[in-house]
Every structure is written in C-alpha cells, then in structure tokens.
C-alpha cells in the first residue's frame, strides 16, 4: 500500500526581469504554476506584464499559513519584496529548474 503524499503549499513571486514587475501568489502546484507563468497561459496580471520568471518561493505545510503569508506579502512595500528576493536570489535567476528538481519532475 502506498503512503499518502504530503501536500505542500507555496507562496511565490514572479518577475518580468531583475527589479521589474513583481507578482505574488500562492499555489499547491509550484511546477505547474511556474510553467503557466513562463508560457503566459493564464489571462492575468502576470501575463499582462510578462512576469514569467520565478524568483522566490516558500514552502508551507498548511494552506492557511501559505494563504496568510501571501496576503501579508501582497501588502508589503515593493522594496521589502526586493530585499526578500535578493537575500536568497541576488542575481534574480529563474528558479524554474530548481522547482522541477524539487518536485522530482526532471528526466
């Protein structure tokens, strides 16, 4: 019998470029959401402003904690978000490949 898979929740920030337009969101499918942003599949803010580069994400075990964190971050000043991103990703590298590895989806 298979063990139940623990469902994780993610708060993520995508950007159009380094210090460009920022978009904050929450998902339980980080790889899928990052891919949708990259391919501009969704008809939303991220698509309109080309915010397809995943530059920051946080993992949460509970949906409530992820939702609270997302709401909090959406109210943050822009410079606070930039500080958060640059603390862990100073070059604003697209973290899509990291997410693919994290989810075990790489070939």
N, C-alpha and C. Protein backbone atom coordinates (compact mmCIF):
# COMPACT_ATOMS: atom_id res chain seq x y z
N UNK A 1 0.83 -1.18 0.00
CA UNK A 1 0.00 0.00 0.00
C UNK A 1 0.88 1.25 0.00
N UNK A 2 0.50 2.25 -0.79
CA UNK A 2 1.28 3.47 -0.91
C UNK A 2 1.03 4.40 0.27
N UNK A 3 2.08 5.07 0.67
CA UNK A 3 1.96 6.06 1.74
C UNK A 3 1.30 7.31 1.17
N UNK A 4 0.48 7.97 1.96
CA UNK A 4 -0.13 9.21 1.47
C UNK A 4 0.95 10.27 1.24
N UNK A 5 0.81 10.99 0.15
CA UNK A 5 1.76 12.04 -0.19
C UNK A 5 1.35 13.31 0.55
N UNK A 6 2.32 13.90 1.24
CA UNK A 6 2.06 15.14 1.95
C UNK A 6 1.88 16.28 0.95
N UNK A 7 0.79 16.98 1.05
CA UNK A 7 0.52 18.10 0.15
C UNK A 7 1.19 19.35 0.70
N UNK A 8 1.94 20.01 -0.15
CA UNK A 8 2.64 21.23 0.24
C UNK A 8 2.02 22.42 -0.47
N UNK A 9 2.18 23.57 0.12
CA UNK A 9 1.66 24.81 -0.44
C UNK A 9 2.81 25.80 -0.59
N UNK A 10 2.74 26.62 -1.60
CA UNK A 10 3.85 27.52 -1.94
C UNK A 10 3.36 28.94 -2.09
N UNK A 11 4.16 29.86 -1.60
CA UNK A 11 3.97 31.28 -1.87
C UNK A 11 5.12 31.65 -2.79
N UNK A 12 4.80 32.27 -3.91
CA UNK A 12 5.85 32.54 -4.89
C UNK A 12 5.77 33.98 -5.39
N UNK A 13 6.91 34.44 -5.87
CA UNK A 13 6.99 35.75 -6.51
C UNK A 13 7.58 35.54 -7.88
N UNK A 14 6.90 36.05 -8.89
CA UNK A 14 7.44 36.03 -10.25
C UNK A 14 7.76 37.47 -10.65
N UNK A 15 8.66 37.60 -11.60
CA UNK A 15 9.09 38.93 -12.03
C UNK A 15 9.25 38.98 -13.54
N UNK A 16 9.15 40.16 -14.10
CA UNK A 16 9.35 40.35 -15.53
C UNK A 16 10.85 40.34 -15.87
N UNK A 17 11.65 40.83 -14.93
CA UNK A 17 13.11 40.89 -15.06
C UNK A 17 13.64 41.29 -13.70
N UNK A 18 14.94 41.38 -13.56
CA UNK A 18 15.51 41.82 -12.28
C UNK A 18 14.97 43.20 -11.94
N UNK A 19 14.40 43.32 -10.74
CA UNK A 19 13.81 44.56 -10.25
C UNK A 19 12.70 45.11 -11.13
N UNK A 20 12.09 44.21 -11.91
CA UNK A 20 10.98 44.60 -12.78
C UNK A 20 9.65 44.45 -12.07
N UNK A 21 8.61 44.18 -12.85
CA UNK A 21 7.27 43.98 -12.31
C UNK A 21 7.26 42.72 -11.45
N UNK A 22 6.64 42.78 -10.27
CA UNK A 22 6.57 41.65 -9.35
C UNK A 22 5.13 41.18 -9.21
N UNK A 23 4.95 39.87 -9.12
CA UNK A 23 3.63 39.28 -8.94
C UNK A 23 3.73 38.23 -7.84
N UNK A 24 2.91 38.35 -6.81
CA UNK A 24 2.92 37.43 -5.67
C UNK A 24 1.69 36.55 -5.72
N UNK A 25 1.88 35.24 -5.47
CA UNK A 25 0.75 34.32 -5.49
C UNK A 25 0.99 33.11 -4.62
N UNK A 26 -0.04 32.24 -4.57
CA UNK A 26 0.01 31.01 -3.78
C UNK A 26 -0.49 29.87 -4.65
N UNK A 27 0.10 28.69 -4.47
CA UNK A 27 -0.32 27.51 -5.22
C UNK A 27 0.04 26.24 -4.47
N UNK A 28 -0.58 25.14 -4.85
CA UNK A 28 -0.17 23.84 -4.32
C UNK A 28 0.55 23.06 -5.41
N UNK A 29 0.68 23.64 -6.60
CA UNK A 29 1.39 23.03 -7.73
C UNK A 29 2.41 24.03 -8.26
N UNK A 30 3.53 24.13 -7.59
CA UNK A 30 4.52 25.16 -7.94
C UNK A 30 5.09 24.96 -9.35
N UNK A 31 5.35 23.72 -9.72
CA UNK A 31 5.90 23.46 -11.06
C UNK A 31 4.90 23.86 -12.14
N UNK A 32 3.65 23.48 -11.95
CA UNK A 32 2.61 23.83 -12.92
C UNK A 32 2.39 25.33 -13.01
N UNK A 33 2.34 25.98 -11.86
CA UNK A 33 2.11 27.43 -11.85
C UNK A 33 3.29 28.17 -12.48
N UNK A 34 4.51 27.75 -12.16
CA UNK A 34 5.69 28.39 -12.75
C UNK A 34 5.69 28.22 -14.27
N UNK A 35 5.30 27.04 -14.73
CA UNK A 35 5.24 26.78 -16.17
C UNK A 35 4.17 27.67 -16.82
N UNK A 36 3.01 27.80 -16.18
CA UNK A 36 1.94 28.65 -16.72
C UNK A 36 2.41 30.10 -16.84
N UNK A 37 3.16 30.57 -15.84
CA UNK A 37 3.67 31.93 -15.91
C UNK A 37 4.70 32.07 -17.03
N UNK A 38 5.58 31.11 -17.16
CA UNK A 38 6.61 31.16 -18.22
C UNK A 38 6.00 31.17 -19.61
N UNK A 39 4.95 30.36 -19.79
CA UNK A 39 4.32 30.21 -21.11
C UNK A 39 3.20 31.22 -21.34
N UNK A 40 2.92 32.04 -20.32
CA UNK A 40 1.88 33.07 -20.40
C UNK A 40 0.52 32.44 -20.72
N UNK A 41 0.21 31.33 -20.05
CA UNK A 41 -1.04 30.61 -20.25
C UNK A 41 -2.22 31.34 -19.61
N UNK A 42 -2.02 31.83 -18.40
CA UNK A 42 -3.09 32.46 -17.64
C UNK A 42 -3.38 33.86 -18.14
N UNK A 43 -4.64 34.23 -18.11
CA UNK A 43 -5.03 35.58 -18.51
C UNK A 43 -5.15 36.43 -17.25
N UNK A 44 -4.01 36.92 -16.78
CA UNK A 44 -4.00 37.64 -15.51
C UNK A 44 -2.90 38.69 -15.50
N UNK A 45 -2.66 39.22 -14.33
CA UNK A 45 -1.65 40.26 -14.14
C UNK A 45 -0.28 39.83 -14.65
N UNK A 46 0.13 38.60 -14.29
CA UNK A 46 1.46 38.11 -14.67
C UNK A 46 1.61 38.05 -16.19
N UNK A 47 0.56 37.66 -16.87
CA UNK A 47 0.63 37.60 -18.33
C UNK A 47 0.68 39.01 -18.94
N UNK A 48 -0.14 39.88 -18.42
CA UNK A 48 -0.21 41.25 -18.94
C UNK A 48 1.14 41.96 -18.85
N UNK A 49 1.85 41.72 -17.73
CA UNK A 49 3.11 42.41 -17.51
C UNK A 49 4.34 41.53 -17.71
N UNK A 50 4.16 40.36 -18.34
CA UNK A 50 5.26 39.45 -18.67
C UNK A 50 6.06 39.01 -17.44
N UNK A 51 5.38 38.81 -16.33
CA UNK A 51 6.06 38.39 -15.09
C UNK A 51 6.14 36.87 -15.06
N UNK A 52 7.03 36.30 -15.86
CA UNK A 52 7.12 34.86 -16.00
C UNK A 52 8.34 34.22 -15.37
N UNK A 53 9.16 34.98 -14.72
CA UNK A 53 10.39 34.45 -14.11
C UNK A 53 10.15 34.20 -12.62
N UNK A 54 10.21 32.95 -12.20
CA UNK A 54 10.04 32.60 -10.79
C UNK A 54 11.32 32.99 -10.05
N UNK A 55 11.21 33.97 -9.15
CA UNK A 55 12.42 34.48 -8.49
C UNK A 55 12.45 34.19 -6.99
N UNK A 56 11.32 33.77 -6.42
CA UNK A 56 11.28 33.43 -4.99
C UNK A 56 10.11 32.51 -4.73
N UNK A 57 10.33 31.53 -3.86
CA UNK A 57 9.21 30.72 -3.38
C UNK A 57 9.49 30.22 -1.98
N UNK A 58 8.42 30.00 -1.25
CA UNK A 58 8.48 29.49 0.12
C UNK A 58 7.54 28.30 0.22
N UNK A 59 7.94 27.30 0.97
CA UNK A 59 7.15 26.08 1.14
C UNK A 59 6.43 26.14 2.48
N UNK A 60 5.15 25.77 2.47
CA UNK A 60 4.33 25.73 3.69
C UNK A 60 3.61 24.39 3.75
N UNK A 61 3.51 23.82 4.94
CA UNK A 61 2.82 22.55 5.12
C UNK A 61 1.31 22.72 5.22
N UNK A 62 0.86 23.91 5.56
CA UNK A 62 -0.56 24.18 5.76
C UNK A 62 -1.04 25.25 4.77
N UNK A 63 -2.22 25.03 4.21
CA UNK A 63 -2.80 26.00 3.27
C UNK A 63 -3.05 27.33 3.97
N UNK A 64 -3.50 27.28 5.22
CA UNK A 64 -3.79 28.51 5.95
C UNK A 64 -2.55 29.37 6.14
N UNK A 65 -1.43 28.74 6.49
CA UNK A 65 -0.21 29.53 6.71
C UNK A 65 0.29 30.13 5.39
N UNK A 66 0.16 29.38 4.29
CA UNK A 66 0.56 29.91 2.98
C UNK A 66 -0.34 31.07 2.57
N UNK A 67 -1.63 30.93 2.80
CA UNK A 67 -2.58 31.99 2.43
C UNK A 67 -2.32 33.26 3.25
N UNK A 68 -2.05 33.09 4.54
CA UNK A 68 -1.75 34.25 5.39
C UNK A 68 -0.48 34.95 4.93
N UNK A 69 0.54 34.14 4.61
CA UNK A 69 1.81 34.72 4.16
C UNK A 69 1.62 35.46 2.82
N UNK A 70 0.85 34.87 1.92
CA UNK A 70 0.60 35.53 0.63
C UNK A 70 -0.10 36.86 0.84
N UNK A 71 -1.15 36.87 1.66
CA UNK A 71 -1.87 38.13 1.91
C UNK A 71 -0.94 39.17 2.53
N UNK A 72 -0.10 38.74 3.45
CA UNK A 72 0.85 39.64 4.09
C UNK A 72 1.82 40.22 3.05
N UNK A 73 2.39 39.33 2.22
CA UNK A 73 3.37 39.79 1.22
C UNK A 73 2.75 40.69 0.17
N UNK A 74 1.49 40.47 -0.18
CA UNK A 74 0.83 41.33 -1.16
C UNK A 74 0.70 42.77 -0.64
N UNK A 75 0.67 42.92 0.68
CA UNK A 75 0.59 44.27 1.26
C UNK A 75 1.95 44.92 1.49
N UNK A 76 3.02 44.14 1.29
CA UNK A 76 4.36 44.67 1.51
C UNK A 76 4.70 45.77 0.52
N UNK A 77 5.59 46.64 0.95
CA UNK A 77 6.16 47.62 0.03
C UNK A 77 7.06 46.90 -0.97
N UNK A 78 7.19 47.45 -2.13
CA UNK A 78 7.99 46.86 -3.20
C UNK A 78 9.44 46.62 -2.77
N UNK A 79 10.04 47.58 -2.08
CA UNK A 79 11.45 47.42 -1.68
C UNK A 79 11.62 46.27 -0.68
N UNK A 80 10.61 45.95 0.12
CA UNK A 80 10.70 44.81 1.04
C UNK A 80 10.73 43.51 0.24
N UNK A 81 9.91 43.44 -0.80
CA UNK A 81 9.90 42.23 -1.65
C UNK A 81 11.25 42.06 -2.35
N UNK A 82 11.80 43.16 -2.82
CA UNK A 82 13.10 43.10 -3.50
C UNK A 82 14.17 42.62 -2.52
N UNK A 83 14.16 43.12 -1.29
CA UNK A 83 15.12 42.66 -0.27
C UNK A 83 14.97 41.16 -0.02
N UNK A 84 13.74 40.69 0.08
CA UNK A 84 13.49 39.26 0.29
C UNK A 84 14.05 38.43 -0.86
N UNK A 85 13.79 38.83 -2.07
CA UNK A 85 14.28 38.11 -3.26
C UNK A 85 15.80 38.11 -3.29
N UNK A 86 16.40 39.27 -3.12
CA UNK A 86 17.85 39.38 -3.25
C UNK A 86 18.61 38.70 -2.10
N UNK A 87 17.95 38.45 -0.98
CA UNK A 87 18.60 37.74 0.12
C UNK A 87 18.91 36.29 -0.26
N UNK A 88 18.03 35.67 -1.04
CA UNK A 88 18.25 34.26 -1.43
C UNK A 88 18.56 34.09 -2.91
N UNK A 89 18.29 35.10 -3.72
CA UNK A 89 18.48 35.00 -5.17
C UNK A 89 19.01 36.35 -5.69
N UNK A 90 20.25 36.69 -5.33
CA UNK A 90 20.78 38.03 -5.66
C UNK A 90 20.89 38.32 -7.16
N UNK A 91 20.97 37.29 -7.99
CA UNK A 91 21.08 37.51 -9.44
C UNK A 91 19.72 37.45 -10.14
N UNK A 92 18.65 37.26 -9.39
CA UNK A 92 17.30 37.17 -9.93
C UNK A 92 17.19 36.03 -10.96
N UNK A 93 17.90 34.94 -10.68
CA UNK A 93 17.88 33.76 -11.55
C UNK A 93 16.47 33.15 -11.54
N UNK A 94 16.03 32.65 -12.70
CA UNK A 94 14.75 31.95 -12.78
C UNK A 94 14.88 30.61 -12.06
N UNK A 95 14.05 30.37 -11.07
CA UNK A 95 14.14 29.18 -10.23
C UNK A 95 13.31 28.01 -10.76
N UNK A 96 12.85 28.09 -12.00
CA UNK A 96 12.01 27.04 -12.57
C UNK A 96 12.71 25.68 -12.54
N UNK A 97 13.97 25.61 -12.93
CA UNK A 97 14.70 24.33 -12.92
C UNK A 97 14.82 23.78 -11.50
N UNK A 98 15.00 24.64 -10.52
CA UNK A 98 15.06 24.21 -9.12
C UNK A 98 13.74 23.58 -8.68
N UNK A 99 12.64 24.18 -9.11
CA UNK A 99 11.31 23.67 -8.77
C UNK A 99 11.08 22.31 -9.43
N UNK A 100 11.50 22.17 -10.66
CA UNK A 100 11.34 20.90 -11.37
C UNK A 100 12.09 19.80 -10.62
N UNK A 101 13.31 20.09 -10.18
CA UNK A 101 14.08 19.11 -9.41
C UNK A 101 13.41 18.82 -8.06
N UNK A 102 12.93 19.86 -7.39
CA UNK A 102 12.27 19.72 -6.10
C UNK A 102 11.05 18.80 -6.21
N UNK A 103 10.30 18.94 -7.28
CA UNK A 103 9.10 18.15 -7.48
C UNK A 103 9.40 16.77 -8.06
N UNK A 104 10.67 16.50 -8.38
CA UNK A 104 11.05 15.21 -8.93
C UNK A 104 10.58 15.00 -10.36
N UNK A 105 10.48 16.08 -11.12
CA UNK A 105 9.96 16.01 -12.48
C UNK A 105 11.04 16.03 -13.56
N UNK A 106 12.29 16.16 -13.16
CA UNK A 106 13.35 16.20 -14.18
C UNK A 106 13.54 14.82 -14.79
N UNK A 107 13.91 14.78 -16.07
CA UNK A 107 14.07 13.47 -16.74
C UNK A 107 15.22 12.64 -16.20
